[in-house]
C-alpha atoms as a PDB file:
ATOM      1  CA  UNK A   1     -11.109  20.511 -23.801  1.00  0.00           C
ATOM      2  CA  UNK A   2     -15.103  20.412 -23.118  1.00  0.00           C
ATOM      3  CA  UNK A   3     -17.179  18.318 -25.615  1.00  0.00           C
ATOM      4  CA  UNK A   4     -20.680  20.594 -24.458  1.00  0.00           C
ATOM      5  CA  UNK A   5     -21.305  24.190 -24.797  1.00  0.00           C
ATOM      6  CA  UNK A   6     -20.909  25.052 -20.866  1.00  0.00           C
ATOM      7  CA  UNK A   7     -17.692  26.485 -19.556  1.00  0.00           C
ATOM      8  CA  UNK A   8     -14.745  24.757 -18.919  1.00  0.00           C
ATOM      9  CA  UNK A   9     -15.029  25.327 -15.347  1.00  0.00           C
ATOM     10  CA  UNK A  10     -17.965  22.904 -15.260  1.00  0.00           C
ATOM     11  CA  UNK A  11     -15.877  19.922 -16.176  1.00  0.00           C
ATOM     12  CA  UNK A  12     -14.517  18.067 -13.578  1.00  0.00           C
ATOM     13  CA  UNK A  13     -11.745  15.430 -15.184  1.00  0.00           C
ATOM     14  CA  UNK A  14     -10.592  12.711 -13.307  1.00  0.00           C
ATOM     15  CA  UNK A  15      -7.672  10.402 -14.188  1.00  0.00           C
ATOM     16  CA  UNK A  16      -7.774   6.601 -12.636  1.00  0.00           C
ATOM     17  CA  UNK A  17      -4.238   4.768 -12.876  1.00  0.00           C
ATOM     18  CA  UNK A  18      -2.937   2.101 -11.564  1.00  0.00           C
ATOM     19  CA  UNK A  19       0.548   3.365 -10.184  1.00  0.00           C
ATOM     20  CA  UNK A  20       2.150   6.319  -9.173  1.00  0.00           C
ATOM     21  CA  UNK A  21       3.610   7.895 -12.271  1.00  0.00           C
ATOM     22  CA  UNK A  22       0.983   6.552 -14.765  1.00  0.00           C
ATOM     23  CA  UNK A  23      -1.165   9.687 -14.826  1.00  0.00           C
ATOM     24  CA  UNK A  24       1.818  11.416 -15.674  1.00  0.00           C
ATOM     25  CA  UNK A  25       2.770   9.304 -18.609  1.00  0.00           C
ATOM     26  CA  UNK A  26      -0.565   9.088 -19.939  1.00  0.00           C
ATOM     27  CA  UNK A  27      -2.074  12.519 -19.601  1.00  0.00           C
ATOM     28  CA  UNK A  28       0.130  14.912 -18.004  1.00  0.00           C
ATOM     29  CA  UNK A  29      -0.175  17.708 -20.541  1.00  0.00           C
ATOM     30  CA  UNK A  30      -4.046  17.084 -20.691  1.00  0.00           C
ATOM     31  CA  UNK A  31      -4.785  17.629 -17.425  1.00  0.00           C
ATOM     32  CA  UNK A  32      -2.554  20.580 -17.082  1.00  0.00           C
ATOM     33  CA  UNK A  33      -4.188  21.710 -19.988  1.00  0.00           C
ATOM     34  CA  UNK A  34      -7.749  21.160 -18.408  1.00  0.00           C
ATOM     35  CA  UNK A  35      -6.663  22.822 -15.277  1.00  0.00           C
ATOM     36  CA  UNK A  36      -5.566  25.850 -17.007  1.00  0.00           C
ATOM     37  CA  UNK A  37      -8.749  25.818 -19.351  1.00  0.00           C
ATOM     38  CA  UNK A  38     -10.791  25.912 -15.858  1.00  0.00           C
ATOM     39  CA  UNK A  39     -11.728  22.351 -14.697  1.00  0.00           C
ATOM     40  CA  UNK A  40     -11.312  20.870 -11.971  1.00  0.00           C
ATOM     41  CA  UNK A  41      -9.074  17.827 -12.219  1.00  0.00           C
ATOM     42  CA  UNK A  42      -7.959  15.139 -10.157  1.00  0.00           C
ATOM     43  CA  UNK A  43      -5.678  11.939 -10.121  1.00  0.00           C
ATOM     44  CA  UNK A  44      -6.806   8.982  -8.270  1.00  0.00           C
ATOM     45  CA  UNK A  45      -4.108   6.454  -8.027  1.00  0.00           C
ATOM     46  CA  UNK A  46      -5.188   3.206  -7.277  1.00  0.00           C
ATOM     47  CA  UNK A  47      -1.599   1.310  -5.459  1.00  0.00           C
ATOM     48  CA  UNK A  48       1.185   2.476  -3.566  1.00  0.00           C
ATOM     49  CA  UNK A  49       3.378   0.943  -5.984  1.00  0.00           C
ATOM     50  CA  UNK A  50       5.749  -0.653  -3.425  1.00  0.00           C
ATOM     51  CA  UNK A  51       6.417  -3.933  -5.773  1.00  0.00           C
ATOM     52  CA  UNK A  52       7.666  -1.017  -8.253  1.00  0.00           C
ATOM     53  CA  UNK A  53      11.235  -1.942  -8.090  1.00  0.00           C
ATOM     54  CA  UNK A  54      13.263  -1.681 -11.066  1.00  0.00           C
ATOM     55  CA  UNK A  55      15.461  -4.902 -12.077  1.00  0.00           C
ATOM     56  CA  UNK A  56      18.686  -3.031 -11.471  1.00  0.00           C
ATOM     57  CA  UNK A  57      17.590  -1.888  -7.930  1.00  0.00           C
ATOM     58  CA  UNK A  58      16.217  -5.565  -7.040  1.00  0.00           C
ATOM     59  CA  UNK A  59      19.987  -6.762  -8.019  1.00  0.00           C
ATOM     60  CA  UNK A  60      21.133  -4.873  -4.895  1.00  0.00           C
ATOM     61  CA  UNK A  61      18.332  -5.380  -2.772  1.00  0.00           C
ATOM     62  CA  UNK A  62      16.606  -2.356  -3.231  1.00  0.00           C
ATOM     63  CA  UNK A  63      12.944  -1.887  -1.467  1.00  0.00           C
ATOM     64  CA  UNK A  64      10.171   0.806  -1.549  1.00  0.00           C
ATOM     65  CA  UNK A  65       8.449   2.044   1.338  1.00  0.00           C
ATOM     66  CA  UNK A  66       4.596   2.213   0.908  1.00  0.00           C
ATOM     67  CA  UNK A  67       4.537   6.134   1.085  1.00  0.00           C
ATOM     68  CA  UNK A  68       7.676   6.779  -1.082  1.00  0.00           C
ATOM     69  CA  UNK A  69       6.314   6.480  -4.364  1.00  0.00           C
ATOM     70  CA  UNK A  70       3.301   8.160  -3.436  1.00  0.00           C
ATOM     71  CA  UNK A  71       5.277  11.349  -2.294  1.00  0.00           C
ATOM     72  CA  UNK A  72       7.033  11.358  -6.013  1.00  0.00           C
ATOM     73  CA  UNK A  73       3.135  11.653  -7.004  1.00  0.00           C
ATOM     74  CA  UNK A  74       2.652  14.608  -4.863  1.00  0.00           C
ATOM     75  CA  UNK A  75       6.132  16.327  -6.052  1.00  0.00           C
ATOM     76  CA  UNK A  76       4.961  15.960  -9.666  1.00  0.00           C
ATOM     77  CA  UNK A  77       1.881  17.405  -9.335  1.00  0.00           C
ATOM     78  CA  UNK A  78       2.746  20.457  -6.690  1.00  0.00           C
ATOM     79  CA  UNK A  79       1.676  23.769  -7.546  1.00  0.00           C
ATOM     80  CA  UNK A  80      -0.411  22.575 -10.847  1.00  0.00           C
ATOM     81  CA  UNK A  81      -3.681  23.070  -8.978  1.00  0.00           C
ATOM     82  CA  UNK A  82      -4.605  19.192  -9.838  1.00  0.00           C
ATOM     83  CA  UNK A  83      -5.819  17.482  -6.671  1.00  0.00           C
ATOM     84  CA  UNK A  84      -4.210  13.736  -5.902  1.00  0.00           C
ATOM     85  CA  UNK A  85      -6.282  10.874  -4.357  1.00  0.00           C
ATOM     86  CA  UNK A  86      -4.640   7.296  -3.337  1.00  0.00           C
ATOM     87  CA  UNK A  87      -6.514   4.281  -2.518  1.00  0.00           C
ATOM     88  CA  UNK A  88      -3.491   2.285  -1.243  1.00  0.00           C
ATOM     89  CA  UNK A  89      -3.872  -1.083  -2.746  1.00  0.00           C
ATOM     90  CA  UNK A  90      -1.153  -3.395  -3.486  1.00  0.00           C
ATOM     91  CA  UNK A  91       0.235  -3.447  -7.113  1.00  0.00           C
ATOM     92  CA  UNK A  92       0.580  -6.527  -9.097  1.00  0.00           C
ATOM     93  CA  UNK A  93      -2.322  -7.824  -7.318  1.00  0.00           C
ATOM     94  CA  UNK A  94      -5.276  -6.148  -9.112  1.00  0.00           C
ATOM     95  CA  UNK A  95      -8.258  -7.574 -10.682  1.00  0.00           C
ATOM     96  CA  UNK A  96     -11.550  -5.778 -11.918  1.00  0.00           C
ATOM     97  CA  UNK A  97     -13.841  -7.392  -9.684  1.00  0.00           C
ATOM     98  CA  UNK A  98     -16.574  -5.873  -7.395  1.00  0.00           C
ATOM     99  CA  UNK A  99     -14.132  -4.458  -4.980  1.00  0.00           C
ATOM    100  CA  UNK A 100     -12.266  -2.793  -7.466  1.00  0.00           C
ATOM    101  CA  UNK A 101     -15.043  -1.095  -9.645  1.00  0.00           C
ATOM    102  CA  UNK A 102     -16.935   0.083  -6.533  1.00  0.00           C
ATOM    103  CA  UNK A 103     -13.731   1.813  -5.522  1.00  0.00           C
ATOM    104  CA  UNK A 104     -13.658   3.774  -8.253  1.00  0.00           C
ATOM    105  CA  UNK A 105     -17.097   4.121  -9.102  1.00  0.00           C
ATOM    106  CA  UNK A 106     -17.277   5.885  -5.602  1.00  0.00           C
ATOM    107  CA  UNK A 107     -14.672   8.022  -6.189  1.00  0.00           C
ATOM    108  CA  UNK A 108     -15.996   9.397  -9.573  1.00  0.00           C
ATOM    109  CA  UNK A 109     -19.320   9.965  -7.911  1.00  0.00           C
ATOM    110  CA  UNK A 110     -17.532  11.728  -5.045  1.00  0.00           C
ATOM    111  CA  UNK A 111     -15.497  14.018  -7.464  1.00  0.00           C
ATOM    112  CA  UNK A 112     -18.755  14.435  -9.792  1.00  0.00           C
ATOM    113  CA  UNK A 113     -16.243  13.275 -12.818  1.00  0.00           C
ATOM    114  CA  UNK A 114     -17.574  14.517 -16.181  1.00  0.00           C
ATOM    115  CA  UNK A 115     -14.271  13.564 -18.327  1.00  0.00           C
ATOM    116  CA  UNK A 116     -12.418  10.071 -17.288  1.00  0.00           C
ATOM    117  CA  UNK A 117      -8.873   9.284 -18.172  1.00  0.00           C
ATOM    118  CA  UNK A 118      -7.457   5.761 -17.710  1.00  0.00           C
ATOM    119  CA  UNK A 119      -5.487   2.925 -19.248  1.00  0.00           C
ATOM    120  CA  UNK A 120      -6.232   1.165 -22.742  1.00  0.00           C
ATOM    121  CA  UNK A 121      -8.277  -1.881 -21.843  1.00  0.00           C
ATOM    122  CA  UNK A 122      -7.154  -3.315 -25.767  1.00  0.00           C
ATOM    123  CA  UNK A 123      -3.424  -3.423 -25.008  1.00  0.00           C
ATOM    124  CA  UNK A 124      -3.308  -7.282 -24.114  1.00  0.00           C
ATOM    125  CA  UNK A 125       0.691  -6.975 -23.629  1.00  0.00           C
ATOM    126  CA  UNK A 126       0.362  -4.277 -20.902  1.00  0.00           C
ATOM    127  CA  UNK A 127       0.806  -4.858 -17.226  1.00  0.00           C
ATOM    128  CA  UNK A 128      -2.102  -6.641 -15.697  1.00  0.00           C
ATOM    129  CA  UNK A 129      -2.751  -3.868 -13.491  1.00  0.00           C
ATOM    130  CA  UNK A 130      -3.399  -1.365 -16.198  1.00  0.00           C
ATOM    131  CA  UNK A 131      -5.695  -3.795 -17.832  1.00  0.00           C
ATOM    132  CA  UNK A 132      -7.592  -4.215 -14.500  1.00  0.00           C
ATOM    133  CA  UNK A 133      -8.130  -0.771 -13.870  1.00  0.00           C
ATOM    134  CA  UNK A 134      -8.977  -0.291 -17.475  1.00  0.00           C
ATOM    135  CA  UNK A 135     -11.667  -2.364 -17.450  1.00  0.00           C
ATOM    136  CA  UNK A 136     -13.131  -1.107 -13.867  1.00  0.00           C
ATOM    137  CA  UNK A 137     -12.947   2.205 -14.629  1.00  0.00           C
ATOM    138  CA  UNK A 138     -14.403   2.217 -17.693  1.00  0.00           C
ATOM    139  CA  UNK A 139     -17.128  -0.188 -16.115  1.00  0.00           C
ATOM    140  CA  UNK A 140     -17.744   2.338 -13.373  1.00  0.00           C
ATOM    141  CA  UNK A 141     -17.618   5.439 -15.353  1.00  0.00           C
ATOM    142  CA  UNK A 142     -20.543   3.675 -17.477  1.00  0.00           C
ATOM    143  CA  UNK A 143     -22.650   3.945 -14.255  1.00  0.00           C
ATOM    144  CA  UNK A 144     -21.736   7.631 -13.127  1.00  0.00           C
ATOM    145  CA  UNK A 145     -24.467  10.041 -14.604  1.00  0.00           C
ATOM    146  CA  UNK A 146     -22.347  12.832 -14.783  1.00  0.00           C
ATOM    147  CA  UNK A 147     -19.618  11.356 -16.979  1.00  0.00           C
ATOM    148  CA  UNK A 148     -20.000  11.973 -20.712  1.00  0.00           C
ATOM    149  CA  UNK A 149     -16.652  11.162 -21.983  1.00  0.00           C
ATOM    150  CA  UNK A 150     -14.345   8.168 -21.187  1.00  0.00           C
ATOM    151  CA  UNK A 151     -10.427   8.545 -22.601  1.00  0.00           C
ATOM    152  CA  UNK A 152      -7.904   5.554 -22.861  1.00  0.00           C
ATOM    153  CA  UNK A 153      -4.461   6.921 -22.809  1.00  0.00           C
ATOM    154  CA  UNK A 154      -1.668   5.405 -24.824  1.00  0.00           C
ATOM    155  CA  UNK A 155       0.107   2.593 -23.152  1.00  0.00           C
ATOM    156  CA  UNK A 156       3.996   2.140 -23.537  1.00  0.00           C
ATOM    157  CA  UNK A 157       3.644  -1.698 -24.133  1.00  0.00           C
ATOM    158  CA  UNK A 158       5.242  -2.187 -27.581  1.00  0.00           C
ATOM    159  CA  UNK A 159       2.614  -3.687 -30.437  1.00  0.00           C
ATOM    160  CA  UNK A 160      -0.077  -2.952 -28.231  1.00  0.00           C
ATOM    161  CA  UNK A 161      -2.613  -2.574 -31.054  1.00  0.00           C
ATOM    162  CA  UNK A 162      -3.447   1.246 -29.512  1.00  0.00           C
ATOM    163  CA  UNK A 163      -5.231   3.004 -32.138  1.00  0.00           C
ATOM    164  CA  UNK A 164      -5.806   6.741 -30.999  1.00  0.00           C
ATOM    165  CA  UNK A 165      -8.743   8.775 -32.338  1.00  0.00           C
ATOM    166  CA  UNK A 166      -8.539  11.784 -30.005  1.00  0.00           C
ATOM    167  CA  UNK A 167      -5.347  14.324 -29.711  1.00  0.00           C
ATOM    168  CA  UNK A 168      -4.904  16.783 -26.905  1.00  0.00           C
ATOM    169  CA  UNK A 169      -2.355  19.645 -27.734  1.00  0.00           C
ATOM    170  CA  UNK A 170       0.433  19.471 -25.096  1.00  0.00           C
ATOM    171  CA  UNK A 171       3.032  21.598 -26.968  1.00  0.00           C
ATOM    172  CA  UNK A 172       3.048  24.435 -23.984  1.00  0.00           C
ATOM    173  CA  UNK A 173       3.392  21.691 -20.945  1.00  0.00           C
ATOM    174  CA  UNK A 174       5.477  19.136 -22.595  1.00  0.00           C
ATOM    175  CA  UNK A 175       8.513  20.603 -20.881  1.00  0.00           C
ATOM    176  CA  UNK A 176       6.505  20.532 -17.583  1.00  0.00           C
ATOM    177  CA  UNK A 177       5.640  16.720 -18.111  1.00  0.00           C
ATOM    178  CA  UNK A 178       9.403  15.836 -18.769  1.00  0.00           C
ATOM    179  CA  UNK A 179      10.172  17.547 -15.057  1.00  0.00           C
ATOM    180  CA  UNK A 180       7.007  15.552 -13.748  1.00  0.00           C
ATOM    181  CA  UNK A 181       8.325  12.167 -14.904  1.00  0.00           C
ATOM    182  CA  UNK A 182      11.877  13.220 -13.539  1.00  0.00           C
ATOM    183  CA  UNK A 183      10.319  13.390 -10.172  1.00  0.00           C
ATOM    184  CA  UNK A 184      10.105   9.527  -9.797  1.00  0.00           C
ATOM    185  CA  UNK A 185      13.253   9.033  -8.658  1.00  0.00           C
ATOM    186  CA  UNK A 186      12.711   5.634  -7.349  1.00  0.00           C
ATOM    187  CA  UNK A 187      12.136   4.734 -10.744  1.00  0.00           C
ATOM    188  CA  UNK A 188      15.690   5.529 -12.209  1.00  0.00           C
ATOM    189  CA  UNK A 189      16.674   3.825 -15.363  1.00  0.00           C
ATOM    190  CA  UNK A 190      12.941   2.977 -16.797  1.00  0.00           C
ATOM    191  CA  UNK A 191      13.377   4.016 -20.467  1.00  0.00           C
ATOM    192  CA  UNK A 192      10.034   5.379 -20.648  1.00  0.00           C
ATOM    193  CA  UNK A 193      10.192   7.688 -17.798  1.00  0.00           C
ATOM    194  CA  UNK A 194      13.030   9.424 -19.903  1.00  0.00           C
ATOM    195  CA  UNK A 195      12.783  13.103 -21.892  1.00  0.00           C
ATOM    196  CA  UNK A 196      13.951  11.313 -24.963  1.00  0.00           C
ATOM    197  CA  UNK A 197      10.953   8.863 -25.044  1.00  0.00           C
ATOM    198  CA  UNK A 198       8.412  11.341 -23.850  1.00  0.00           C
ATOM    199  CA  UNK A 199       9.087  14.120 -26.397  1.00  0.00           C
ATOM    200  CA  UNK A 200       9.215  11.277 -29.285  1.00  0.00           C
ATOM    201  CA  UNK A 201       5.921   9.739 -28.151  1.00  0.00           C
ATOM    202  CA  UNK A 202       3.999  13.215 -28.353  1.00  0.00           C
ATOM    203  CA  UNK A 203       5.711  14.089 -31.537  1.00  0.00           C
ATOM    204  CA  UNK A 204       4.942  10.390 -32.916  1.00  0.00           C
ATOM    205  CA  UNK A 205       1.032  10.939 -31.969  1.00  0.00           C
ATOM    206  CA  UNK A 206       0.570  14.037 -34.054  1.00  0.00           C
ATOM    207  CA  UNK A 207       1.959  12.537 -37.322  1.00  0.00           C
ATOM    208  CA  UNK A 208      -0.203   9.545 -36.736  1.00  0.00           C
ATOM    209  CA  UNK A 209      -3.293  12.001 -37.062  1.00  0.00           C
ATOM    210  CA  UNK A 210      -2.379  15.515 -37.559  1.00  0.00           C
ATOM    211  CA  UNK A 211       0.892  15.455 -39.578  1.00  0.00           C
ATOM    212  CA  UNK A 212       0.810  19.154 -40.741  1.00  0.00           C
ATOM    213  CA  UNK A 213       0.812  20.046 -36.954  1.00  0.00           C
ATOM    214  CA  UNK A 214       3.208  17.528 -36.353  1.00  0.00           C
ATOM    215  CA  UNK A 215       5.265  18.977 -38.695  1.00  0.00           C
ATOM    216  CA  UNK A 216       5.073  22.460 -37.211  1.00  0.00           C
ATOM    217  CA  UNK A 217       6.406  20.932 -34.077  1.00  0.00           C
ATOM    218  CA  UNK A 218       3.462  20.719 -32.139  1.00  0.00           C
ATOM    219  CA  UNK A 219       3.211  17.872 -29.365  1.00  0.00           C
ATOM    220  CA  UNK A 220       0.094  15.652 -28.453  1.00  0.00           C
ATOM    221  CA  UNK A 221      -1.312  13.137 -26.160  1.00  0.00           C
ATOM    222  CA  UNK A 222      -3.294  10.369 -27.615  1.00  0.00           C
ATOM    223  CA  UNK A 223      -6.185   8.249 -26.298  1.00  0.00           C
ATOM    224  CA  UNK A 224      -9.010   6.148 -27.675  1.00  0.00           C
ATOM    225  CA  UNK A 225     -12.412   6.639 -26.395  1.00  0.00           C
ATOM    226  CA  UNK A 226     -15.197   3.870 -25.379  1.00  0.00           C
ATOM    227  CA  UNK A 227     -17.613   6.846 -24.771  1.00  0.00           C
ATOM    228  CA  UNK A 228     -18.061  10.338 -26.215  1.00  0.00           C
ATOM    229  CA  UNK A 229     -21.174  12.296 -25.711  1.00  0.00           C
ATOM    230  CA  UNK A 230     -21.228  15.518 -28.108  1.00  0.00           C
ATOM    231  CA  UNK A 231     -24.047  18.106 -26.908  1.00  0.00           C
ATOM    232  CA  UNK A 232     -24.052  21.377 -28.267  1.00  0.00           C
ATOM    233  CA  UNK A 233     -26.704  23.022 -25.484  1.00  0.00           C
ATOM    234  CA  UNK A 234     -26.984  22.250 -21.888  1.00  0.00           C
ATOM    235  CA  UNK A 235     -28.978  19.032 -20.994  1.00  0.00           C
ATOM    236  CA  UNK A 236     -31.890  19.195 -18.861  1.00  0.00           C
ATOM    237  CA  UNK A 237     -30.220  17.821 -16.105  1.00  0.00           C
ATOM    238  CA  UNK A 238     -27.582  20.388 -16.561  1.00  0.00           C
ATOM    239  CA  UNK A 239     -30.308  23.338 -16.365  1.00  0.00           C
ATOM    240  CA  UNK A 240     -29.969  25.693 -13.521  1.00  0.00           C
ATOM    241  CA  UNK A 241     -32.961  27.248 -12.168  1.00  0.00           C
END
């Protein structure tokens, strides 16, 4: 996971996502892998997701409370060692303005983020909140002195133009990813949360960049990157007396 020669425990990985369930979709396996390697890992969920009612549920008059989906996120990450932070903004209304960028930047600085994971800014047909968070997080991350890498996770928007350059092997935790997505009971019926889709996408990512590994049954999460700093010795800033 680390692009430096320092130990994984020096890494502080932060996923900044728009909605409850986004981190599980984009990078659950990557965050679990980083945590098990010794990194400090946090998920920052920008909205409470109260407007995330499926079409089927909306017909029946189903409504969500502001803490319902946040509880699902907490359950998804229970006993993983991954910290979850909620910013409690309203979903569907996000704009990559000074307010959002400042909120995200403050969290990245507080957590001393070294590796940032967020949405893809290039998927023009993706959810508007995803695009706003992608822009805000990348903008903020560029000003956080500890942040050396920014990864953008694969969207589930069709024909998005996503072109991965980074793969993370999640074979050992793909079953756990399926279970984590199942924790989102309020989102029942959404195709992108199903086990079939999760396993298909984890296999597809490998076929695009590492076909031999995919043929051997390995599972992956795929990312684009707008910032990748390779260092092969501790920097002066990292030096300790």
